Amino acid sequence: MHTLTRTTTTEMEVTSIRLERELKEKLKGLSGNQGYQALIRDILWNYVQQKSGDYTQTASPSDLRASFPAIAQQDDRCALTGKLIRSGDNMLLGYTTDGTLIPLSMGSLP
């Protein structure tokens, strides 16, 4: 996950949030060099984009561990090509190295 460049930290509003100690430590461990606050911002931005319909999931073939056939239950976009996958179409679900499932259009994999 990469930090989205939105504003400098000096232009951001300070917000206090209470987190369980264990959650904070796990976020610190996952964040690497970017820092856990930047990771939390990334997570929140992704959530807002998903809920607002502005989110388009993208991936590269190297992100995939496996794929399997499926039938789309709603319109979606292929995470590799951006091609529209219509509800009822045959598709693939890709299982990524981070354990998520992503939509793939037929023919998007070599």
Protein backbone atom coordinates (compact mmCIF):
# COMPACT_ATOMS: atom_id res chain seq x y z
CA MET A 1 0.00 0.00 0.00
CA HIS A 2 1.40 3.40 -0.92
CA THR A 3 0.73 6.68 0.84
CA LEU A 4 -1.48 8.89 -1.28
CA THR A 5 -0.10 12.37 -1.81
CA ARG A 6 -2.97 14.63 -0.80
CA THR A 7 -1.63 17.40 1.42
CA THR A 8 1.40 18.06 3.54
CA THR A 9 1.11 17.10 7.19
CA THR A 10 1.30 20.77 8.18
CA GLU A 11 -1.92 21.37 6.21
CA MET A 12 -3.75 18.45 7.87
CA GLU A 13 -6.11 18.75 10.79
CA VAL A 14 -5.07 17.10 14.01
CA THR A 15 -7.51 14.38 15.07
CA SER A 16 -7.36 12.24 18.16
CA ILE A 17 -8.34 8.59 17.85
CA ARG A 18 -8.25 5.93 20.52
CA LEU A 19 -6.83 2.58 19.44
CA GLU A 20 -6.27 -0.60 21.37
CA ARG A 21 -2.56 -0.95 22.17
CA GLU A 22 -2.40 -4.27 20.28
CA LEU A 23 -3.97 -2.71 17.15
CA LYS A 24 -1.55 0.22 17.25
CA GLU A 25 1.43 -2.13 17.57
CA LYS A 26 0.20 -4.28 14.67
CA LEU A 27 -0.27 -1.16 12.52
CA LYS A 28 3.26 -0.05 13.38
CA GLY A 29 4.55 -3.48 12.37
CA LEU A 30 2.68 -3.42 9.05
CA SER A 31 3.55 0.15 8.15
CA GLY A 32 7.28 -0.32 7.63
CA ASN A 33 9.08 2.93 6.78
CA GLN A 34 5.93 4.91 5.97
CA GLY A 35 4.76 5.07 9.60
CA TYR A 36 1.50 3.87 11.07
CA GLN A 37 -0.31 7.22 10.80
CA ALA A 38 0.28 7.27 7.03
CA LEU A 39 -0.96 3.67 6.87
CA ILE A 40 -4.13 4.64 8.76
CA ARG A 41 -4.69 7.51 6.29
CA ASP A 42 -4.26 5.09 3.36
CA ILE A 43 -6.74 2.67 4.90
CA LEU A 44 -9.27 5.45 5.54
CA TRP A 45 -8.88 6.91 2.02
CA ASN A 46 -9.37 3.45 0.47
CA TYR A 47 -12.50 2.95 2.58
CA VAL A 48 -13.93 6.34 1.58
CA GLN A 49 -13.17 5.71 -2.10
CA GLN A 50 -14.78 2.25 -1.99
CA LYS A 51 -17.93 3.56 -0.30
CA SER A 52 -18.21 6.60 -2.58
CA GLY A 53 -17.77 4.60 -5.80
CA ASP A 54 -14.49 6.40 -6.68
CA TYR A 55 -12.35 3.33 -6.04
CA THR A 56 -10.92 1.24 -8.86
CA GLN A 57 -8.92 -1.74 -7.71
CA THR A 58 -5.71 -2.24 -9.65
CA ALA A 59 -3.18 -5.04 -9.63
CA SER A 60 -0.41 -6.53 -11.69
CA PRO A 61 0.02 -10.20 -12.65
CA SER A 62 2.87 -10.48 -10.13
CA ASP A 63 0.33 -9.76 -7.35
CA LEU A 64 -1.56 -13.00 -8.12
CA ARG A 65 -1.11 -16.33 -6.38
CA ALA A 66 -4.04 -18.11 -8.04
CA SER A 67 -7.22 -17.55 -10.01
CA PHE A 68 -10.47 -19.43 -10.39
CA PRO A 69 -13.61 -19.08 -12.51
CA ALA A 70 -16.67 -17.24 -11.24
CA ILE A 71 -19.81 -15.52 -12.48
CA ALA A 72 -20.16 -11.79 -11.83
CA GLN A 73 -23.06 -10.93 -9.54
CA GLN A 74 -22.77 -7.21 -10.27
CA ASP A 75 -20.95 -4.95 -12.70
CA ASP A 76 -17.28 -4.56 -11.88
CA ARG A 77 -13.95 -3.74 -13.54
CA CYS A 78 -11.01 -6.02 -14.15
CA ALA A 79 -8.21 -5.15 -11.70
CA LEU A 80 -5.58 -5.82 -14.40
CA THR A 81 -7.08 -4.22 -17.52
CA GLY A 82 -9.89 -1.97 -16.29
CA LYS A 83 -12.26 -3.76 -18.69
CA LEU A 84 -15.92 -3.78 -17.66
CA ILE A 85 -17.24 -7.08 -16.32
CA ARG A 86 -21.03 -7.11 -16.54
CA SER A 87 -23.34 -8.84 -14.09
CA GLY A 88 -23.88 -12.44 -15.24
CA ASP A 89 -20.64 -12.58 -17.26
CA ASN A 90 -18.06 -15.30 -16.78
CA MET A 91 -15.04 -13.89 -14.98
CA LEU A 92 -12.09 -14.91 -12.86
CA LEU A 93 -11.38 -14.14 -9.24
CA GLY A 94 -7.72 -13.58 -8.54
CA TYR A 95 -6.27 -14.48 -5.14
CA THR A 96 -3.49 -11.99 -4.39
CA THR A 97 -0.30 -12.33 -2.41
CA ASP A 98 -1.88 -10.24 0.36
CA GLY A 99 -4.87 -12.59 0.59
CA THR A 100 -7.56 -10.54 -1.16
CA LEU A 101 -9.82 -11.54 -4.03
CA ILE A 102 -9.86 -9.26 -7.07
CA PRO A 103 -12.09 -9.26 -10.17
CA LEU A 104 -10.43 -10.35 -13.43
CA SER A 105 -11.96 -10.38 -16.89
CA MET A 106 -11.75 -13.48 -19.03
CA GLY A 107 -8.61 -13.32 -21.15
CA SER A 108 -6.82 -10.87 -18.83
CA LEU A 109 -4.25 -13.50 -17.81
CA PRO A 110 -1.65 -14.91 -20.21
